[in-house]
Amino acid sequence: MNKYLQRIRFNLKYLSKPQWDTGVPAPELIRYIFGKTPGSAIDLGCGTGTNLLYLAQQGWSITGLDYAPLAIEKAKKKLKKFQKTLLVADVTKLTDMDLPGPYDLGLDMGCFHNLSEAGRLRYVEGLEKWIRSNGVIMVYAFQPSESMDKGITKTDMIAYFRNSFDLINYEQGQGKPSAWYYFKKK
């Protein structure tokens, strides 16, 4: 399927409630920010803004990007009482964006593993620009398996980030072959 049709198909899933839109913030995010002083956060592939809502409720300054306009519209409604930046945007073009960063925290729940090789390289280059020194990017990604045609290995994940980020934590995901990666900017 060509990239344009795939994007339309993905966007249309937000006419209802996509299976990944649980309405519950990620437990890993809740654990990670517990006890930390609020800062600025960016959610790459933010969907309807569930994790952004949790961050805003905890006092964080928030930015959300998604390439699905319907997802961003739902996020705007969900976050209407909070100061925020929400943009329909391509995460592989972060270096060209005018964002209110730099950010202390980046969050990606299922975006990175869907990108092409070139897209992954541009994505990480963008994070190098927008994540502040000692800032952390949390990435949830599928891992390759017989039942899934997409995914990324731990070794490959580390290789993409190694120039500017150190892996500081790794957690095997629940259910589908997946993992959480926590990278700290050098």
N, C-alpha and C. Protein backbone atom coordinates (compact mmCIF):
# COMPACT_ATOMS: atom_id res chain seq x y z
N MET A 1 0.85 -1.17 0.00
CA MET A 1 0.00 0.00 0.00
C MET A 1 0.90 1.24 0.00
N ASN A 2 0.55 2.21 -0.82
CA ASN A 2 1.41 3.38 -0.85
C ASN A 2 1.26 4.20 0.44
N LYS A 3 2.27 5.00 0.71
CA LYS A 3 2.36 5.75 1.97
C LYS A 3 1.17 6.70 2.17
N TYR A 4 0.72 7.34 1.11
CA TYR A 4 -0.40 8.28 1.20
C TYR A 4 -1.70 7.57 1.61
N LEU A 5 -1.98 6.44 0.98
CA LEU A 5 -3.19 5.67 1.32
C LEU A 5 -3.11 5.11 2.74
N GLN A 6 -1.92 4.69 3.13
CA GLN A 6 -1.73 4.17 4.47
C GLN A 6 -2.03 5.25 5.51
N ARG A 7 -1.59 6.46 5.23
CA ARG A 7 -1.82 7.58 6.15
C ARG A 7 -3.31 7.90 6.27
N ILE A 8 -4.03 7.89 5.14
CA ILE A 8 -5.47 8.14 5.16
C ILE A 8 -6.18 7.05 5.96
N ARG A 9 -5.81 5.81 5.70
CA ARG A 9 -6.42 4.67 6.40
C ARG A 9 -6.20 4.79 7.91
N PHE A 10 -4.98 5.15 8.31
CA PHE A 10 -4.67 5.32 9.73
C PHE A 10 -5.50 6.44 10.34
N ASN A 11 -5.58 7.57 9.65
CA ASN A 11 -6.34 8.71 10.13
C ASN A 11 -7.82 8.34 10.33
N LEU A 12 -8.38 7.59 9.40
CA LEU A 12 -9.79 7.22 9.47
C LEU A 12 -10.12 6.34 10.68
N LYS A 13 -9.13 5.65 11.20
CA LYS A 13 -9.36 4.83 12.40
C LYS A 13 -9.82 5.69 13.57
N TYR A 14 -9.47 6.99 13.54
CA TYR A 14 -9.86 7.89 14.62
C TYR A 14 -11.30 8.38 14.49
N LEU A 15 -12.03 7.95 13.46
CA LEU A 15 -13.47 8.23 13.40
C LEU A 15 -14.19 7.48 14.51
N SER A 16 -13.60 6.37 14.93
CA SER A 16 -14.10 5.64 16.09
C SER A 16 -12.96 5.62 17.11
N LYS A 17 -12.87 4.58 17.88
CA LYS A 17 -11.81 4.49 18.89
C LYS A 17 -10.85 3.36 18.49
N PRO A 18 -9.64 3.71 18.03
CA PRO A 18 -8.68 2.66 17.65
C PRO A 18 -8.34 1.77 18.85
N GLN A 19 -7.97 0.55 18.58
CA GLN A 19 -7.68 -0.42 19.64
C GLN A 19 -6.56 0.03 20.56
N TRP A 20 -5.63 0.82 20.05
CA TRP A 20 -4.50 1.27 20.88
C TRP A 20 -4.85 2.47 21.76
N ASP A 21 -6.00 3.07 21.54
CA ASP A 21 -6.40 4.26 22.30
C ASP A 21 -7.20 3.82 23.52
N THR A 22 -6.48 3.43 24.56
CA THR A 22 -7.13 2.86 25.75
C THR A 22 -7.72 3.91 26.68
N GLY A 23 -7.28 5.17 26.55
CA GLY A 23 -7.75 6.20 27.46
C GLY A 23 -7.06 6.15 28.81
N VAL A 24 -6.06 5.30 28.94
CA VAL A 24 -5.32 5.14 30.20
C VAL A 24 -3.86 5.49 29.95
N PRO A 25 -3.27 6.37 30.78
CA PRO A 25 -1.85 6.69 30.56
C PRO A 25 -0.97 5.46 30.78
N ALA A 26 0.14 5.43 30.08
CA ALA A 26 1.06 4.29 30.18
C ALA A 26 1.61 4.16 31.60
N PRO A 27 1.50 2.98 32.20
CA PRO A 27 2.05 2.78 33.56
C PRO A 27 3.55 3.10 33.62
N GLU A 28 4.27 2.84 32.53
CA GLU A 28 5.70 3.13 32.51
C GLU A 28 5.95 4.64 32.60
N LEU A 29 5.11 5.43 31.97
CA LEU A 29 5.21 6.89 32.07
C LEU A 29 4.90 7.34 33.49
N ILE A 30 3.85 6.82 34.06
CA ILE A 30 3.46 7.17 35.44
C ILE A 30 4.63 6.88 36.38
N ARG A 31 5.21 5.69 36.25
CA ARG A 31 6.35 5.31 37.10
C ARG A 31 7.54 6.23 36.87
N TYR A 32 7.82 6.53 35.60
CA TYR A 32 9.01 7.32 35.30
C TYR A 32 8.93 8.73 35.88
N ILE A 33 7.79 9.39 35.76
CA ILE A 33 7.73 10.79 36.22
C ILE A 33 7.44 10.91 37.71
N PHE A 34 7.08 9.81 38.38
CA PHE A 34 6.76 9.88 39.80
C PHE A 34 7.93 10.48 40.59
N GLY A 35 7.64 11.52 41.34
CA GLY A 35 8.65 12.15 42.18
C GLY A 35 9.59 13.10 41.46
N LYS A 36 9.45 13.21 40.14
CA LYS A 36 10.31 14.13 39.38
C LYS A 36 9.68 15.51 39.33
N THR A 37 10.52 16.53 39.31
CA THR A 37 10.04 17.89 39.13
C THR A 37 9.49 18.02 37.71
N PRO A 38 8.27 18.54 37.55
CA PRO A 38 7.73 18.70 36.21
C PRO A 38 8.63 19.56 35.33
N GLY A 39 8.66 19.22 34.06
CA GLY A 39 9.44 19.96 33.08
C GLY A 39 8.64 20.07 31.80
N SER A 40 9.32 19.97 30.68
CA SER A 40 8.65 20.04 29.39
C SER A 40 8.73 18.67 28.72
N ALA A 41 7.62 18.29 28.07
CA ALA A 41 7.55 16.97 27.45
C ALA A 41 6.96 17.07 26.05
N ILE A 42 7.43 16.18 25.19
CA ILE A 42 6.89 16.05 23.84
C ILE A 42 6.48 14.60 23.64
N ASP A 43 5.27 14.41 23.10
CA ASP A 43 4.76 13.08 22.79
C ASP A 43 4.72 12.96 21.26
N LEU A 44 5.52 12.05 20.74
CA LEU A 44 5.67 11.84 19.30
C LEU A 44 4.71 10.73 18.87
N GLY A 45 3.68 11.10 18.13
CA GLY A 45 2.62 10.16 17.82
C GLY A 45 1.64 10.13 18.98
N CYS A 46 1.19 11.29 19.40
CA CYS A 46 0.42 11.46 20.64
C CYS A 46 -0.99 10.93 20.59
N GLY A 47 -1.49 10.60 19.39
CA GLY A 47 -2.87 10.13 19.31
C GLY A 47 -3.83 11.16 19.87
N THR A 48 -4.76 10.71 20.69
CA THR A 48 -5.78 11.61 21.25
C THR A 48 -5.32 12.33 22.51
N GLY A 49 -4.06 12.16 22.88
CA GLY A 49 -3.50 12.94 23.98
C GLY A 49 -3.66 12.38 25.37
N THR A 50 -3.91 11.12 25.52
CA THR A 50 -4.10 10.53 26.85
C THR A 50 -2.87 10.72 27.74
N ASN A 51 -1.68 10.44 27.20
CA ASN A 51 -0.47 10.61 28.01
C ASN A 51 -0.16 12.08 28.25
N LEU A 52 -0.47 12.93 27.27
CA LEU A 52 -0.29 14.37 27.45
C LEU A 52 -1.20 14.89 28.56
N LEU A 53 -2.42 14.40 28.61
CA LEU A 53 -3.35 14.82 29.66
C LEU A 53 -2.77 14.48 31.02
N TYR A 54 -2.26 13.27 31.17
CA TYR A 54 -1.66 12.89 32.45
C TYR A 54 -0.47 13.80 32.80
N LEU A 55 0.39 14.04 31.83
CA LEU A 55 1.54 14.92 32.07
C LEU A 55 1.09 16.32 32.47
N ALA A 56 0.11 16.87 31.76
CA ALA A 56 -0.39 18.21 32.08
C ALA A 56 -0.98 18.25 33.49
N GLN A 57 -1.70 17.22 33.86
CA GLN A 57 -2.29 17.15 35.21
C GLN A 57 -1.21 17.11 36.29
N GLN A 58 -0.01 16.65 35.92
CA GLN A 58 1.10 16.59 36.86
C GLN A 58 1.96 17.85 36.81
N GLY A 59 1.56 18.84 36.01
CA GLY A 59 2.26 20.12 35.95
C GLY A 59 3.28 20.26 34.85
N TRP A 60 3.34 19.31 33.93
CA TRP A 60 4.30 19.37 32.83
C TRP A 60 3.81 20.30 31.72
N SER A 61 4.72 20.96 31.05
CA SER A 61 4.46 21.71 29.83
C SER A 61 4.46 20.70 28.70
N ILE A 62 3.43 20.72 27.83
CA ILE A 62 3.26 19.62 26.88
C ILE A 62 3.20 20.06 25.43
N THR A 63 3.78 19.20 24.58
CA THR A 63 3.70 19.32 23.13
C THR A 63 3.35 17.93 22.59
N GLY A 64 2.41 17.88 21.66
CA GLY A 64 2.04 16.61 21.04
C GLY A 64 2.05 16.72 19.53
N LEU A 65 2.60 15.70 18.89
CA LEU A 65 2.63 15.63 17.42
C LEU A 65 1.98 14.32 16.98
N ASP A 66 1.19 14.40 15.92
CA ASP A 66 0.65 13.19 15.31
C ASP A 66 0.37 13.51 13.86
N TYR A 67 0.51 12.53 12.99
CA TYR A 67 0.25 12.80 11.59
C TYR A 67 -1.20 12.56 11.22
N ALA A 68 -2.02 12.15 12.19
CA ALA A 68 -3.45 11.95 11.97
C ALA A 68 -4.23 13.18 12.44
N PRO A 69 -4.75 13.98 11.51
CA PRO A 69 -5.50 15.18 11.91
C PRO A 69 -6.67 14.89 12.85
N LEU A 70 -7.36 13.77 12.64
CA LEU A 70 -8.47 13.43 13.53
C LEU A 70 -8.00 13.17 14.96
N ALA A 71 -6.82 12.58 15.11
CA ALA A 71 -6.27 12.35 16.45
C ALA A 71 -5.97 13.68 17.13
N ILE A 72 -5.37 14.60 16.41
CA ILE A 72 -5.05 15.91 16.98
C ILE A 72 -6.32 16.67 17.36
N GLU A 73 -7.37 16.58 16.55
CA GLU A 73 -8.64 17.23 16.90
C GLU A 73 -9.19 16.67 18.21
N LYS A 74 -9.11 15.36 18.38
CA LYS A 74 -9.59 14.75 19.63
C LYS A 74 -8.69 15.16 20.81
N ALA A 75 -7.40 15.25 20.57
CA ALA A 75 -6.48 15.68 21.63
C ALA A 75 -6.78 17.12 22.05
N LYS A 76 -7.09 17.99 21.10
CA LYS A 76 -7.42 19.38 21.43
C LYS A 76 -8.64 19.45 22.34
N LYS A 77 -9.63 18.63 22.08
CA LYS A 77 -10.82 18.60 22.93
C LYS A 77 -10.49 18.06 24.32
N LYS A 78 -9.70 17.00 24.37
CA LYS A 78 -9.34 16.38 25.64
C LYS A 78 -8.50 17.33 26.51
N LEU A 79 -7.68 18.15 25.86
CA LEU A 79 -6.73 19.01 26.57
C LEU A 79 -7.15 20.48 26.57
N LYS A 80 -8.42 20.75 26.32
CA LYS A 80 -8.87 22.14 26.11
C LYS A 80 -8.55 23.07 27.27
N LYS A 81 -8.50 22.58 28.49
CA LYS A 81 -8.25 23.49 29.62
C LYS A 81 -6.77 23.66 29.96
N PHE A 82 -5.90 23.02 29.20
CA PHE A 82 -4.46 23.09 29.47
C PHE A 82 -3.73 23.88 28.40
N GLN A 83 -2.67 24.56 28.81
CA GLN A 83 -1.74 25.20 27.87
C GLN A 83 -1.00 24.07 27.16
N LYS A 84 -0.98 24.11 25.83
CA LYS A 84 -0.34 23.02 25.08
C LYS A 84 0.00 23.47 23.68
N THR A 85 0.85 22.66 23.04
CA THR A 85 1.12 22.79 21.61
C THR A 85 0.76 21.43 21.01
N LEU A 86 -0.18 21.43 20.08
CA LEU A 86 -0.59 20.21 19.39
C LEU A 86 -0.52 20.47 17.89
N LEU A 87 0.22 19.61 17.19
CA LEU A 87 0.45 19.82 15.77
C LEU A 87 0.25 18.55 14.96
N VAL A 88 -0.38 18.70 13.80
CA VAL A 88 -0.39 17.62 12.82
C VAL A 88 0.98 17.70 12.16
N ALA A 89 1.79 16.68 12.37
CA ALA A 89 3.18 16.77 11.93
C ALA A 89 3.77 15.39 11.68
N ASP A 90 4.81 15.38 10.89
CA ASP A 90 5.59 14.19 10.55
C ASP A 90 6.82 14.15 11.46
N VAL A 91 6.92 13.13 12.29
CA VAL A 91 8.02 13.05 13.26
C VAL A 91 9.39 12.86 12.61
N THR A 92 9.41 12.57 11.32
CA THR A 92 10.70 12.46 10.63
C THR A 92 11.20 13.83 10.16
N LYS A 93 10.45 14.88 10.46
CA LYS A 93 10.83 16.23 10.05
C LYS A 93 10.99 17.16 11.25
N LEU A 94 11.39 16.60 12.38
CA LEU A 94 11.55 17.39 13.62
C LEU A 94 12.58 18.50 13.47
N THR A 95 13.63 18.26 12.70
CA THR A 95 14.68 19.28 12.58
C THR A 95 14.17 20.54 11.90
N ASP A 96 13.11 20.42 11.11
CA ASP A 96 12.56 21.58 10.39
C ASP A 96 11.45 22.29 11.16
N MET A 97 11.08 21.78 12.32
CA MET A 97 9.93 22.33 13.05
C MET A 97 10.33 23.45 14.00
N ASP A 98 9.38 24.32 14.24
CA ASP A 98 9.52 25.38 15.22
C ASP A 98 8.67 24.96 16.43
N LEU A 99 9.32 24.39 17.41
CA LEU A 99 8.64 23.85 18.59
C LEU A 99 9.04 24.65 19.83
N PRO A 100 8.24 24.58 20.89
CA PRO A 100 8.56 25.32 22.11
C PRO A 100 9.56 24.60 23.02
N GLY A 101 10.38 23.71 22.48
CA GLY A 101 11.38 22.98 23.25
C GLY A 101 12.55 23.86 23.61
N PRO A 102 13.61 23.32 24.15
CA PRO A 102 13.92 21.88 24.21
C PRO A 102 13.11 21.18 25.30
N TYR A 103 13.15 19.86 25.26
CA TYR A 103 12.32 19.04 26.13
C TYR A 103 13.16 18.22 27.10
N ASP A 104 12.60 18.07 28.29
CA ASP A 104 13.21 17.21 29.32
C ASP A 104 12.84 15.75 29.09
N LEU A 105 11.67 15.55 28.48
CA LEU A 105 11.14 14.20 28.29
C LEU A 105 10.52 14.08 26.92
N GLY A 106 10.85 13.01 26.23
CA GLY A 106 10.19 12.64 25.00
C GLY A 106 9.49 11.31 25.21
N LEU A 107 8.35 11.13 24.57
CA LEU A 107 7.60 9.89 24.69
C LEU A 107 7.17 9.44 23.30
N ASP A 108 7.37 8.17 23.02
CA ASP A 108 6.97 7.58 21.75
C ASP A 108 6.40 6.21 22.04
N MET A 109 5.09 6.07 21.88
CA MET A 109 4.45 4.77 22.09
C MET A 109 4.01 4.19 20.76
N GLY A 110 4.94 3.54 20.08
CA GLY A 110 4.59 2.80 18.87
C GLY A 110 4.76 3.55 17.57
N CYS A 111 5.51 4.62 17.57
CA CYS A 111 5.73 5.38 16.34
C CYS A 111 7.02 4.93 15.64
N PHE A 112 8.11 4.86 16.38
CA PHE A 112 9.43 4.61 15.81
C PHE A 112 9.50 3.33 14.98
N HIS A 113 8.92 2.24 15.50
CA HIS A 113 9.03 0.96 14.78
C HIS A 113 8.29 0.95 13.45
N ASN A 114 7.41 1.93 13.23
CA ASN A 114 6.68 2.02 11.96
C ASN A 114 7.41 2.81 10.88
N LEU A 115 8.49 3.47 11.24
CA LEU A 115 9.21 4.32 10.31
C LEU A 115 10.15 3.52 9.41
N SER A 116 10.44 4.06 8.25
CA SER A 116 11.43 3.46 7.35
C SER A 116 12.82 3.68 7.95
N GLU A 117 13.80 3.05 7.36
CA GLU A 117 15.20 3.24 7.78
C GLU A 117 15.58 4.73 7.74
N ALA A 118 15.31 5.38 6.63
CA ALA A 118 15.63 6.81 6.49
C ALA A 118 14.82 7.64 7.48
N GLY A 119 13.57 7.28 7.69
CA GLY A 119 12.73 8.00 8.64
C GLY A 119 13.25 7.87 10.06
N ARG A 120 13.73 6.70 10.42
CA ARG A 120 14.29 6.49 11.77
C ARG A 120 15.52 7.37 11.98
N LEU A 121 16.36 7.45 10.97
CA LEU A 121 17.57 8.27 11.09
C LEU A 121 17.21 9.76 11.23
N ARG A 122 16.25 10.22 10.46
CA ARG A 122 15.81 11.62 10.56
C ARG A 122 15.14 11.90 11.90
N TYR A 123 14.37 10.95 12.38
CA TYR A 123 13.69 11.06 13.68
C TYR A 123 14.71 11.27 14.80
N VAL A 124 15.73 10.40 14.84
CA VAL A 124 16.75 10.52 15.88
C VAL A 124 17.51 11.84 15.73
N GLU A 125 17.79 12.25 14.51
CA GLU A 125 18.45 13.55 14.29
C GLU A 125 17.59 14.68 14.88
N GLY A 126 16.29 14.59 14.70
CA GLY A 126 15.38 15.59 15.28
C GLY A 126 15.40 15.57 16.79
N LEU A 127 15.46 14.37 17.37
CA LEU A 127 15.53 14.28 18.83
C LEU A 127 16.82 14.89 19.36
N GLU A 128 17.89 14.72 18.61
CA GLU A 128 19.17 15.33 19.00
C GLU A 128 19.02 16.84 19.13
N LYS A 129 18.18 17.43 18.29
CA LYS A 129 17.95 18.87 18.34
C LYS A 129 17.02 19.26 19.50
N TRP A 130 15.97 18.48 19.75
CA TRP A 130 14.91 18.92 20.65
C TRP A 130 14.96 18.38 22.08
N ILE A 131 15.67 17.28 22.33
CA ILE A 131 15.78 16.77 23.70
C ILE A 131 17.00 17.43 24.32
N ARG A 132 16.80 18.05 25.47
CA ARG A 132 17.91 18.77 26.11
C ARG A 132 18.93 17.78 26.69
N SER A 133 20.13 18.24 26.94
CA SER A 133 21.18 17.42 27.53
C SER A 133 20.66 16.83 28.85
N ASN A 134 20.87 15.56 29.04
CA ASN A 134 20.38 14.78 30.18
C ASN A 134 18.88 14.53 30.13
N GLY A 135 18.21 14.98 29.08
CA GLY A 135 16.80 14.66 28.90
C GLY A 135 16.64 13.20 28.50
N VAL A 136 15.44 12.68 28.65
CA VAL A 136 15.17 11.27 28.39
C VAL A 136 14.09 11.13 27.33
N ILE A 137 14.28 10.16 26.45
CA ILE A 137 13.25 9.76 25.50
C ILE A 137 12.86 8.32 25.83
N MET A 138 11.57 8.11 26.06
CA MET A 138 11.02 6.78 26.32
C MET A 138 10.38 6.30 25.02
N VAL A 139 10.81 5.15 24.54
CA VAL A 139 10.29 4.62 23.28
C VAL A 139 9.74 3.22 23.52
N TYR A 140 8.46 3.04 23.17
CA TYR A 140 7.84 1.72 23.18
C TYR A 140 7.81 1.24 21.74
N ALA A 141 8.38 0.06 21.50
CA ALA A 141 8.45 -0.45 20.13
C ALA A 141 8.20 -1.95 20.09
N PHE A 142 7.53 -2.38 19.03
CA PHE A 142 7.37 -3.80 18.78
C PHE A 142 8.73 -4.39 18.43
N GLN A 143 8.87 -5.67 18.75
CA GLN A 143 10.06 -6.42 18.36
C GLN A 143 9.66 -7.43 17.29
N PRO A 144 10.60 -7.79 16.43
CA PRO A 144 10.26 -8.74 15.37
C PRO A 144 9.78 -10.08 15.94
N SER A 145 8.83 -10.66 15.25
CA SER A 145 8.34 -11.99 15.63
C SER A 145 7.73 -12.65 14.41
N GLU A 146 7.41 -13.91 14.54
CA GLU A 146 6.80 -14.64 13.43
C GLU A 146 5.42 -14.09 13.09
N SER A 147 4.72 -13.56 14.09
CA SER A 147 3.35 -13.09 13.88
C SER A 147 3.27 -11.61 13.48
N MET A 148 4.42 -10.91 13.52
CA MET A 148 4.40 -9.48 13.20
C MET A 148 5.40 -9.17 12.10
N ASP A 149 4.97 -8.39 11.13
CA ASP A 149 5.86 -8.04 10.02
C ASP A 149 6.63 -6.75 10.27
N LYS A 150 6.42 -6.12 11.40
CA LYS A 150 7.18 -4.92 11.74
C LYS A 150 7.79 -5.12 13.11
N GLY A 151 8.75 -4.30 13.41
CA GLY A 151 9.40 -4.39 14.70
C GLY A 151 10.88 -4.08 14.55
N ILE A 152 11.52 -3.94 15.70
CA ILE A 152 12.94 -3.59 15.71
C ILE A 152 13.61 -4.30 16.88
N THR A 153 14.80 -4.81 16.65
CA THR A 153 15.52 -5.52 17.71
C THR A 153 16.14 -4.54 18.70
N LYS A 154 16.46 -5.03 19.86
CA LYS A 154 17.13 -4.20 20.87
C LYS A 154 18.47 -3.70 20.34
N THR A 155 19.22 -4.56 19.68
CA THR A 155 20.52 -4.18 19.12
C THR A 155 20.37 -3.04 18.11
N ASP A 156 19.40 -3.16 17.21
CA ASP A 156 19.19 -2.11 16.22
C ASP A 156 18.71 -0.82 16.88
N MET A 157 17.85 -0.94 17.87
CA MET A 157 17.35 0.24 18.56
C MET A 157 18.52 1.02 19.17
N ILE A 158 19.39 0.34 19.86
CA ILE A 158 20.55 0.98 20.49
C ILE A 158 21.43 1.63 19.43
N ALA A 159 21.60 0.95 18.29
CA ALA A 159 22.44 1.48 17.21
C ALA A 159 21.91 2.80 16.67
N TYR A 160 20.60 2.92 16.52
CA TYR A 160 20.03 4.17 16.01
C TYR A 160 20.32 5.35 16.94
N PHE A 161 20.29 5.12 18.23
CA PHE A 161 20.38 6.20 19.21
C PHE A 161 21.80 6.45 19.74
N ARG A 162 22.74 5.55 19.49
CA ARG A 162 24.03 5.54 20.17
C ARG A 162 24.88 6.81 20.03
N ASN A 163 24.74 7.56 18.96
CA ASN A 163 25.60 8.73 18.79
C ASN A 163 25.32 9.84 19.79
N SER A 164 24.07 9.98 20.20
CA SER A 164 23.72 11.09 21.09
C SER A 164 22.99 10.67 22.36
N PHE A 165 22.64 9.40 22.46
CA PHE A 165 21.85 8.93 23.60
C PHE A 165 22.45 7.64 24.17
N ASP A 166 22.34 7.49 25.47
CA ASP A 166 22.74 6.24 26.14
C ASP A 166 21.48 5.52 26.62
N LEU A 167 21.46 4.20 26.44
CA LEU A 167 20.36 3.40 26.96
C LEU A 167 20.52 3.33 28.48
N ILE A 168 19.52 3.81 29.21
CA ILE A 168 19.61 3.80 30.68
C ILE A 168 18.66 2.80 31.31
N ASN A 169 17.69 2.31 30.54
CA ASN A 169 16.78 1.31 31.06
C ASN A 169 16.12 0.59 29.88
N TYR A 170 15.76 -0.66 30.11
CA TYR A 170 15.10 -1.48 29.11
C TYR A 170 14.12 -2.37 29.85
N GLU A 171 12.88 -2.41 29.38
CA GLU A 171 11.86 -3.28 29.98
C GLU A 171 11.16 -4.05 28.88
N GLN A 172 11.06 -5.35 29.05
CA GLN A 172 10.31 -6.16 28.10
C GLN A 172 8.83 -5.77 28.21
N GLY A 173 8.15 -5.64 27.07
CA GLY A 173 6.74 -5.27 27.07
C GLY A 173 5.84 -6.43 27.45
N GLN A 174 4.58 -6.13 27.64
CA GLN A 174 3.58 -7.13 27.97
C GLN A 174 2.82 -7.53 26.71
N GLY A 175 2.37 -8.76 26.63
CA GLY A 175 1.58 -9.20 25.48
C GLY A 175 2.43 -9.43 24.26
N LYS A 176 2.23 -8.61 23.23
CA LYS A 176 2.98 -8.73 21.98
C LYS A 176 4.47 -8.58 22.24
N PRO A 177 5.32 -9.20 21.40
CA PRO A 177 6.76 -8.98 21.55
C PRO A 177 7.07 -7.49 21.40
N SER A 178 7.49 -6.87 22.49
CA SER A 178 7.71 -5.43 22.51
C SER A 178 8.63 -5.08 23.67
N ALA A 179 9.06 -3.82 23.69
CA ALA A 179 9.93 -3.38 24.78
C ALA A 179 9.83 -1.87 24.95
N TRP A 180 10.16 -1.42 26.14
CA TRP A 180 10.33 -0.01 26.46
C TRP A 180 11.83 0.26 26.53
N TYR A 181 12.25 1.31 25.85
CA TYR A 181 13.64 1.75 25.85
C TYR A 181 13.68 3.16 26.46
N TYR A 182 14.60 3.38 27.37
CA TYR A 182 14.77 4.69 27.99
C TYR A 182 16.18 5.17 27.62
N PHE A 183 16.22 6.22 26.82
CA PHE A 183 17.50 6.78 26.38
C PHE A 183 17.72 8.15 27.00
N LYS A 184 18.92 8.38 27.50
CA LYS A 184 19.28 9.67 28.08
C LYS A 184 20.23 10.37 27.13
N LYS A 185 19.95 11.65 26.86
CA LYS A 185 20.80 12.39 25.94
C LYS A 185 22.12 12.71 26.59
N LYS A 186 23.19 12.48 25.84
CA LYS A 186 24.55 12.72 26.32
C LYS A 186 24.80 14.21 26.48
